[in-house]
Amino acid sequence: MSLIQLPHTFEDFTADWFTEALSAKFPGVNVSDFTRSGERIGTSASCTFSLEYSDRGTAGDPPGSVYIKGGFTEKQLNRYWV
């Protein structure tokens, strides 16, 4: 299993990124669109991405949403990555 790079900002997430991230557990999955909600900024940044699929794959039932938390603001990026 290969690791994919986590985007540095919420705006950098794409349907292709979610497709790649989920494909190891859900072969054949294809995320066609997503929406972002519930953004929170504190010592870290977090939000929920609701996912839409053009293909749900061949194994299991991929999630309807994912919660992602990390250092996604400019201040956090400078603290953690620079």
PDB file of N, CA and C in Angstrom:
ATOM      1  N   MET A   1       0.848  -1.173   0.000  1.00  0.00           N
ATOM      2  CA  MET A   1       0.000   0.000   0.000  1.00  0.00           C
ATOM      3  C   MET A   1       0.896   1.240   0.000  1.00  0.00           C
ATOM      4  N   SER A   2       0.616   2.150  -0.909  1.00  0.00           N
ATOM      5  CA  SER A   2       1.403   3.380  -0.974  1.00  0.00           C
ATOM      6  C   SER A   2       0.697   4.489  -0.201  1.00  0.00           C
ATOM      7  N   LEU A   3       1.474   5.397   0.320  1.00  0.00           N
ATOM      8  CA  LEU A   3       0.921   6.530   1.047  1.00  0.00           C
ATOM      9  C   LEU A   3       0.754   7.705   0.101  1.00  0.00           C
ATOM     10  N   ILE A   4      -0.329   8.438   0.259  1.00  0.00           N
ATOM     11  CA  ILE A   4      -0.512   9.630  -0.549  1.00  0.00           C
ATOM     12  C   ILE A   4      -0.287  10.848   0.333  1.00  0.00           C
ATOM     13  N   GLN A   5       0.125  11.921  -0.280  1.00  0.00           N
ATOM     14  CA  GLN A   5       0.424  13.148   0.464  1.00  0.00           C
ATOM     15  C   GLN A   5      -0.874  13.831   0.895  1.00  0.00           C
ATOM     16  N   LEU A   6      -0.930  14.218   2.158  1.00  0.00           N
ATOM     17  CA  LEU A   6      -2.067  14.961   2.683  1.00  0.00           C
ATOM     18  C   LEU A   6      -1.991  16.398   2.183  1.00  0.00           C
ATOM     19  N   PRO A   7      -3.083  16.916   1.609  1.00  0.00           N
ATOM     20  CA  PRO A   7      -3.070  18.325   1.185  1.00  0.00           C
ATOM     21  C   PRO A   7      -2.769  19.245   2.363  1.00  0.00           C
ATOM     22  N   HIS A   8      -2.210  20.415   2.054  1.00  0.00           N
ATOM     23  CA  HIS A   8      -1.838  21.356   3.114  1.00  0.00           C
ATOM     24  C   HIS A   8      -2.952  22.314   3.498  1.00  0.00           C
ATOM     25  N   THR A   9      -3.963  22.451   2.654  1.00  0.00           N
ATOM     26  CA  THR A   9      -5.099  23.315   2.983  1.00  0.00           C
ATOM     27  C   THR A   9      -6.385  22.584   2.629  1.00  0.00           C
ATOM     28  N   PHE A  10      -7.492  22.995   3.222  1.00  0.00           N
ATOM     29  CA  PHE A  10      -8.787  22.397   2.890  1.00  0.00           C
ATOM     30  C   PHE A  10      -9.117  22.595   1.415  1.00  0.00           C
ATOM     31  N   GLU A  11      -8.694  23.724   0.848  1.00  0.00           N
ATOM     32  CA  GLU A  11      -8.972  24.029  -0.555  1.00  0.00           C
ATOM     33  C   GLU A  11      -8.225  23.107  -1.507  1.00  0.00           C
ATOM     34  N   ASP A  12      -7.154  22.461  -1.037  1.00  0.00           N
ATOM     35  CA  ASP A  12      -6.358  21.577  -1.888  1.00  0.00           C
ATOM     36  C   ASP A  12      -6.948  20.179  -2.023  1.00  0.00           C
ATOM     37  N   PHE A  13      -7.943  19.829  -1.228  1.00  0.00           N
ATOM     38  CA  PHE A  13      -8.579  18.518  -1.367  1.00  0.00           C
ATOM     39  C   PHE A  13      -9.353  18.482  -2.678  1.00  0.00           C
ATOM     40  N   THR A  14      -9.304  17.359  -3.369  1.00  0.00           N
ATOM     41  CA  THR A  14     -10.007  17.187  -4.633  1.00  0.00           C
ATOM     42  C   THR A  14     -10.737  15.850  -4.633  1.00  0.00           C
ATOM     43  N   ALA A  15     -11.661  15.697  -5.555  1.00  0.00           N
ATOM     44  CA  ALA A  15     -12.349  14.407  -5.716  1.00  0.00           C
ATOM     45  C   ALA A  15     -11.321  13.320  -6.046  1.00  0.00           C
ATOM     46  N   ASP A  16     -10.327  13.643  -6.872  1.00  0.00           N
ATOM     47  CA  ASP A  16      -9.281  12.673  -7.214  1.00  0.00           C
ATOM     48  C   ASP A  16      -8.492  12.260  -5.979  1.00  0.00           C
ATOM     49  N   TRP A  17      -8.228  13.213  -5.079  1.00  0.00           N
ATOM     50  CA  TRP A  17      -7.493  12.868  -3.852  1.00  0.00           C
ATOM     51  C   TRP A  17      -8.309  11.884  -3.012  1.00  0.00           C
ATOM     52  N   PHE A  18      -9.592  12.166  -2.817  1.00  0.00           N
ATOM     53  CA  PHE A  18     -10.437  11.248  -2.042  1.00  0.00           C
ATOM     54  C   PHE A  18     -10.528   9.885  -2.714  1.00  0.00           C
ATOM     55  N   THR A  19     -10.625   9.860  -4.044  1.00  0.00           N
ATOM     56  CA  THR A  19     -10.655   8.589  -4.767  1.00  0.00           C
ATOM     57  C   THR A  19      -9.405   7.784  -4.471  1.00  0.00           C
ATOM     58  N   GLU A  20      -8.243   8.408  -4.573  1.00  0.00           N
ATOM     59  CA  GLU A  20      -6.993   7.705  -4.308  1.00  0.00           C
ATOM     60  C   GLU A  20      -6.895   7.257  -2.851  1.00  0.00           C
ATOM     61  N   ALA A  21      -7.291   8.134  -1.928  1.00  0.00           N
ATOM     62  CA  ALA A  21      -7.204   7.807  -0.506  1.00  0.00           C
ATOM     63  C   ALA A  21      -8.094   6.623  -0.132  1.00  0.00           C
ATOM     64  N   LEU A  22      -9.240   6.509  -0.767  1.00  0.00           N
ATOM     65  CA  LEU A  22     -10.195   5.441  -0.428  1.00  0.00           C
ATOM     66  C   LEU A  22      -9.995   4.169  -1.244  1.00  0.00           C
ATOM     67  N   SER A  23      -9.243   4.240  -2.315  1.00  0.00           N
ATOM     68  CA  SER A  23      -9.170   3.107  -3.240  1.00  0.00           C
ATOM     69  C   SER A  23      -8.491   1.862  -2.658  1.00  0.00           C
ATOM     70  N   ALA A  24      -7.593   2.010  -1.702  1.00  0.00           N
ATOM     71  CA  ALA A  24      -6.951   0.835  -1.106  1.00  0.00           C
ATOM     72  C   ALA A  24      -7.971  -0.024  -0.358  1.00  0.00           C
ATOM     73  N   LYS A  25      -8.890   0.612   0.326  1.00  0.00           N
ATOM     74  CA  LYS A  25      -9.900  -0.129   1.093  1.00  0.00           C
ATOM     75  C   LYS A  25     -11.150  -0.432   0.264  1.00  0.00           C
ATOM     76  N   PHE A  26     -11.425   0.408  -0.727  1.00  0.00           N
ATOM     77  CA  PHE A  26     -12.625   0.260  -1.552  1.00  0.00           C
ATOM     78  C   PHE A  26     -12.219   0.259  -3.034  1.00  0.00           C
ATOM     79  N   PRO A  27     -11.650  -0.857  -3.530  1.00  0.00           N
ATOM     80  CA  PRO A  27     -11.192  -0.910  -4.926  1.00  0.00           C
ATOM     81  C   PRO A  27     -12.312  -0.528  -5.895  1.00  0.00           C
ATOM     82  N   GLY A  28     -11.943   0.264  -6.895  1.00  0.00           N
ATOM     83  CA  GLY A  28     -12.904   0.677  -7.906  1.00  0.00           C
ATOM     84  C   GLY A  28     -13.723   1.897  -7.548  1.00  0.00           C
ATOM     85  N   VAL A  29     -13.549   2.415  -6.330  1.00  0.00           N
ATOM     86  CA  VAL A  29     -14.315   3.584  -5.896  1.00  0.00           C
ATOM     87  C   VAL A  29     -13.928   4.800  -6.743  1.00  0.00           C
ATOM     88  N   ASN A  30     -14.900   5.671  -6.977  1.00  0.00           N
ATOM     89  CA  ASN A  30     -14.630   6.921  -7.675  1.00  0.00           C
ATOM     90  C   ASN A  30     -15.467   8.027  -7.049  1.00  0.00           C
ATOM     91  N   VAL A  31     -14.787   8.957  -6.380  1.00  0.00           N
ATOM     92  CA  VAL A  31     -15.464  10.108  -5.777  1.00  0.00           C
ATOM     93  C   VAL A  31     -15.666  11.135  -6.889  1.00  0.00           C
ATOM     94  N   SER A  32     -16.923  11.512  -7.130  1.00  0.00           N
ATOM     95  CA  SER A  32     -17.226  12.443  -8.215  1.00  0.00           C
ATOM     96  C   SER A  32     -17.354  13.881  -7.736  1.00  0.00           C
ATOM     97  N   ASP A  33     -17.688  14.075  -6.459  1.00  0.00           N
ATOM     98  CA  ASP A  33     -17.863  15.426  -5.930  1.00  0.00           C
ATOM     99  C   ASP A  33     -17.857  15.353  -4.407  1.00  0.00           C
ATOM    100  N   PHE A  34     -17.728  16.501  -3.770  1.00  0.00           N
ATOM    101  CA  PHE A  34     -17.755  16.569  -2.303  1.00  0.00           C
ATOM    102  C   PHE A  34     -18.139  17.970  -1.877  1.00  0.00           C
ATOM    103  N   THR A  35     -18.606  18.068  -0.634  1.00  0.00           N
ATOM    104  CA  THR A  35     -18.864  19.370  -0.023  1.00  0.00           C
ATOM    105  C   THR A  35     -18.181  19.393   1.333  1.00  0.00           C
ATOM    106  N   ARG A  36     -17.809  20.589   1.748  1.00  0.00           N
ATOM    107  CA  ARG A  36     -17.103  20.777   3.021  1.00  0.00           C
ATOM    108  C   ARG A  36     -18.021  21.508   3.977  1.00  0.00           C
ATOM    109  N   SER A  37     -18.052  21.062   5.246  1.00  0.00           N
ATOM    110  CA  SER A  37     -18.889  21.726   6.243  1.00  0.00           C
ATOM    111  C   SER A  37     -18.267  21.577   7.625  1.00  0.00           C
ATOM    112  N   GLY A  38     -18.801  22.347   8.564  1.00  0.00           N
ATOM    113  CA  GLY A  38     -18.397  22.220   9.960  1.00  0.00           C
ATOM    114  C   GLY A  38     -16.951  22.570  10.225  1.00  0.00           C
ATOM    115  N   GLU A  39     -16.413  23.512   9.467  1.00  0.00           N
ATOM    116  CA  GLU A  39     -15.018  23.880   9.652  1.00  0.00           C
ATOM    117  C   GLU A  39     -14.797  24.498  11.026  1.00  0.00           C
ATOM    118  N   ARG A  40     -13.735  24.027  11.704  1.00  0.00           N
ATOM    119  CA  ARG A  40     -13.372  24.555  13.022  1.00  0.00           C
ATOM    120  C   ARG A  40     -11.882  24.847  13.023  1.00  0.00           C
ATOM    121  N   ILE A  41     -11.535  26.000  13.588  1.00  0.00           N
ATOM    122  CA  ILE A  41     -10.128  26.389  13.672  1.00  0.00           C
ATOM    123  C   ILE A  41      -9.799  26.631  15.142  1.00  0.00           C
ATOM    124  N   GLY A  42      -8.777  25.976  15.631  1.00  0.00           N
ATOM    125  CA  GLY A  42      -8.288  26.145  17.001  1.00  0.00           C
ATOM    126  C   GLY A  42      -6.800  25.835  16.979  1.00  0.00           C
ATOM    127  N   THR A  43      -6.350  24.984  17.894  1.00  0.00           N
ATOM    128  CA  THR A  43      -4.947  24.573  17.844  1.00  0.00           C
ATOM    129  C   THR A  43      -4.688  23.702  16.628  1.00  0.00           C
ATOM    130  N   SER A  44      -5.749  23.157  16.050  1.00  0.00           N
ATOM    131  CA  SER A  44      -5.696  22.482  14.756  1.00  0.00           C
ATOM    132  C   SER A  44      -6.940  22.916  13.977  1.00  0.00           C
ATOM    133  N   ALA A  45      -7.019  22.508  12.734  1.00  0.00           N
ATOM    134  CA  ALA A  45      -8.182  22.829  11.907  1.00  0.00           C
ATOM    135  C   ALA A  45      -8.871  21.526  11.530  1.00  0.00           C
ATOM    136  N   SER A  46     -10.193  21.536  11.471  1.00  0.00           N
ATOM    137  CA  SER A  46     -10.921  20.319  11.119  1.00  0.00           C
ATOM    138  C   SER A  46     -12.187  20.671  10.355  1.00  0.00           C
ATOM    139  N   CYS A  47     -12.687  19.696   9.619  1.00  0.00           N
ATOM    140  CA  CYS A  47     -13.966  19.848   8.935  1.00  0.00           C
ATOM    141  C   CYS A  47     -14.443  18.482   8.473  1.00  0.00           C
ATOM    142  N   THR A  48     -15.677  18.457   8.025  1.00  0.00           N
ATOM    143  CA  THR A  48     -16.275  17.243   7.480  1.00  0.00           C
ATOM    144  C   THR A  48     -16.428  17.420   5.972  1.00  0.00           C
ATOM    145  N   PHE A  49     -16.049  16.391   5.231  1.00  0.00           N
ATOM    146  CA  PHE A  49     -16.261  16.355   3.792  1.00  0.00           C
ATOM    147  C   PHE A  49     -17.343  15.316   3.511  1.00  0.00           C
ATOM    148  N   SER A  50     -18.453  15.730   2.921  1.00  0.00           N
ATOM    149  CA  SER A  50     -19.500  14.810   2.478  1.00  0.00           C
ATOM    150  C   SER A  50     -19.161  14.410   1.046  1.00  0.00           C
ATOM    151  N   LEU A  51     -19.135  13.097   0.795  1.00  0.00           N
ATOM    152  CA  LEU A  51     -18.656  12.577  -0.473  1.00  0.00           C
ATOM    153  C   LEU A  51     -19.792  12.063  -1.343  1.00  0.00           C
ATOM    154  N   GLU A  52     -19.668  12.294  -2.650  1.00  0.00           N
ATOM    155  CA  GLU A  52     -20.585  11.736  -3.639  1.00  0.00           C
ATOM    156  C   GLU A  52     -19.774  10.828  -4.553  1.00  0.00           C
ATOM    157  N   TYR A  53     -20.375   9.724  -4.968  1.00  0.00           N
ATOM    158  CA  TYR A  53     -19.662   8.731  -5.758  1.00  0.00           C
ATOM    159  C   TYR A  53     -20.309   8.522  -7.120  1.00  0.00           C
ATOM    160  N   SER A  54     -19.460   8.368  -8.145  1.00  0.00           N
ATOM    161  CA  SER A  54     -19.962   7.905  -9.434  1.00  0.00           C
ATOM    162  C   SER A  54     -19.827   6.390  -9.508  1.00  0.00           C
ATOM    163  N   ASP A  55     -18.959   5.830  -8.639  1.00  0.00           N
ATOM    164  CA  ASP A  55     -18.806   4.374  -8.524  1.00  0.00           C
ATOM    165  C   ASP A  55     -18.408   4.071  -7.087  1.00  0.00           C
ATOM    166  N   ARG A  56     -19.167   3.215  -6.427  1.00  0.00           N
ATOM    167  CA  ARG A  56     -18.905   2.892  -5.020  1.00  0.00           C
ATOM    168  C   ARG A  56     -17.909   1.748  -4.859  1.00  0.00           C
ATOM    169  N   GLY A  57     -17.383   1.240  -5.966  1.00  0.00           N
ATOM    170  CA  GLY A  57     -16.368   0.191  -5.898  1.00  0.00           C
ATOM    171  C   GLY A  57     -16.963  -1.188  -5.741  1.00  0.00           C
ATOM    172  N   THR A  58     -16.066  -2.144  -5.519  1.00  0.00           N
ATOM    173  CA  THR A  58     -16.461  -3.551  -5.494  1.00  0.00           C
ATOM    174  C   THR A  58     -16.359  -4.208  -4.125  1.00  0.00           C
ATOM    175  N   ALA A  59     -15.908  -3.465  -3.123  1.00  0.00           N
ATOM    176  CA  ALA A  59     -15.703  -4.071  -1.803  1.00  0.00           C
ATOM    177  C   ALA A  59     -16.236  -3.152  -0.710  1.00  0.00           C
ATOM    178  N   GLY A  60     -17.264  -3.583  -0.037  1.00  0.00           N
ATOM    179  CA  GLY A  60     -17.773  -2.816   1.089  1.00  0.00           C
ATOM    180  C   GLY A  60     -18.545  -1.585   0.661  1.00  0.00           C
ATOM    181  N   ASP A  61     -18.820  -0.749   1.630  1.00  0.00           N
ATOM    182  CA  ASP A  61     -19.610   0.450   1.417  1.00  0.00           C
ATOM    183  C   ASP A  61     -18.781   1.655   1.846  1.00  0.00           C
ATOM    184  N   PRO A  62     -18.255   2.448   0.905  1.00  0.00           N
ATOM    185  CA  PRO A  62     -17.419   3.589   1.284  1.00  0.00           C
ATOM    186  C   PRO A  62     -18.216   4.624   2.077  1.00  0.00           C
ATOM    187  N   PRO A  63     -17.536   5.426   2.882  1.00  0.00           N
ATOM    188  CA  PRO A  63     -18.221   6.362   3.772  1.00  0.00           C
ATOM    189  C   PRO A  63     -18.923   7.482   3.015  1.00  0.00           C
ATOM    190  N   GLY A  64     -20.030   7.940   3.569  1.00  0.00           N
ATOM    191  CA  GLY A  64     -20.737   9.084   3.019  1.00  0.00           C
ATOM    192  C   GLY A  64     -20.061  10.389   3.371  1.00  0.00           C
ATOM    193  N   SER A  65     -19.260  10.366   4.445  1.00  0.00           N
ATOM    194  CA  SER A  65     -18.519  11.563   4.841  1.00  0.00           C
ATOM    195  C   SER A  65     -17.270  11.142   5.600  1.00  0.00           C
ATOM    196  N   VAL A  66     -16.298  12.056   5.629  1.00  0.00           N
ATOM    197  CA  VAL A  66     -15.073  11.847   6.395  1.00  0.00           C
ATOM    198  C   VAL A  66     -14.778  13.122   7.176  1.00  0.00           C
ATOM    199  N   TYR A  67     -14.236  12.939   8.363  1.00  0.00           N
ATOM    200  CA  TYR A  67     -13.840  14.050   9.229  1.00  0.00           C
ATOM    201  C   TYR A  67     -12.325  14.118   9.184  1.00  0.00           C
ATOM    202  N   ILE A  68     -11.794  15.281   8.838  1.00  0.00           N
ATOM    203  CA  ILE A  68     -10.344  15.430   8.701  1.00  0.00           C
ATOM    204  C   ILE A  68      -9.868  16.549   9.620  1.00  0.00           C
ATOM    205  N   LYS A  69      -8.797  16.254  10.357  1.00  0.00           N
ATOM    206  CA  LYS A  69      -8.259  17.203  11.322  1.00  0.00           C
ATOM    207  C   LYS A  69      -6.753  17.284  11.122  1.00  0.00           C
ATOM    208  N   GLY A  70      -6.229  18.490  11.152  1.00  0.00           N
ATOM    209  CA  GLY A  70      -4.786  18.662  10.993  1.00  0.00           C
ATOM    210  C   GLY A  70      -4.404  20.127  11.056  1.00  0.00           C
ATOM    211  N   GLY A  71      -3.227  20.435  10.561  1.00  0.00           N
ATOM    212  CA  GLY A  71      -2.724  21.804  10.561  1.00  0.00           C
ATOM    213  C   GLY A  71      -2.925  22.442   9.195  1.00  0.00           C
ATOM    214  N   PHE A  72      -4.127  22.925   8.905  1.00  0.00           N
ATOM    215  CA  PHE A  72      -4.478  23.371   7.566  1.00  0.00           C
ATOM    216  C   PHE A  72      -4.534  24.885   7.380  1.00  0.00           C
ATOM    217  N   THR A  73      -4.285  25.678   8.411  1.00  0.00           N
ATOM    218  CA  THR A  73      -4.263  27.131   8.243  1.00  0.00           C
ATOM    219  C   THR A  73      -2.826  27.578   7.984  1.00  0.00           C
ATOM    220  N   GLU A  74      -2.643  28.790   7.480  1.00  0.00           N
ATOM    221  CA  GLU A  74      -1.295  29.287   7.189  1.00  0.00           C
ATOM    222  C   GLU A  74      -0.428  29.283   8.452  1.00  0.00           C
ATOM    223  N   LYS A  75      -0.996  29.727   9.562  1.00  0.00           N
ATOM    224  CA  LYS A  75      -0.244  29.760  10.828  1.00  0.00           C
ATOM    225  C   LYS A  75       0.167  28.345  11.246  1.00  0.00           C
ATOM    226  N   GLN A  76      -0.765  27.395  11.139  1.00  0.00           N
ATOM    227  CA  GLN A  76      -0.450  26.014  11.512  1.00  0.00           C
ATOM    228  C   GLN A  76       0.569  25.405  10.558  1.00  0.00           C
ATOM    229  N   LEU A  77       0.435  25.676   9.267  1.00  0.00           N
ATOM    230  CA  LEU A  77       1.392  25.163   8.293  1.00  0.00           C
ATOM    231  C   LEU A  77       2.798  25.657   8.612  1.00  0.00           C
ATOM    232  N   ASN A  78       2.926  26.930   8.949  1.00  0.00           N
ATOM    233  CA  ASN A  78       4.235  27.477   9.290  1.00  0.00           C
ATOM    234  C   ASN A  78       4.790  26.843  10.565  1.00  0.00           C
ATOM    235  N   ARG A  79       3.924  26.560  11.512  1.00  0.00           N
ATOM    236  CA  ARG A  79       4.358  25.941  12.769  1.00  0.00           C
ATOM    237  C   ARG A  79       4.789  24.496  12.569  1.00  0.00           C
ATOM    238  N   TYR A  80       4.045  23.738  11.773  1.00  0.00           N
ATOM    239  CA  TYR A  80       4.287  22.299  11.653  1.00  0.00           C
ATOM    240  C   TYR A  80       5.199  21.907  10.501  1.00  0.00           C
ATOM    241  N   TRP A  81       5.168  22.664   9.403  1.00  0.00           N
ATOM    242  CA  TRP A  81       5.835  22.195   8.184  1.00  0.00           C
ATOM    243  C   TRP A  81       7.072  22.994   7.810  1.00  0.00           C
ATOM    244  N   VAL A  82       7.214  24.227   8.280  1.00  0.00           N
ATOM    245  CA  VAL A  82       8.352  25.045   7.846  1.00  0.00           C
ATOM    246  C   VAL A  82       9.458  25.009   8.872  1.00  0.00           C
TER     247      VAL A  82
END
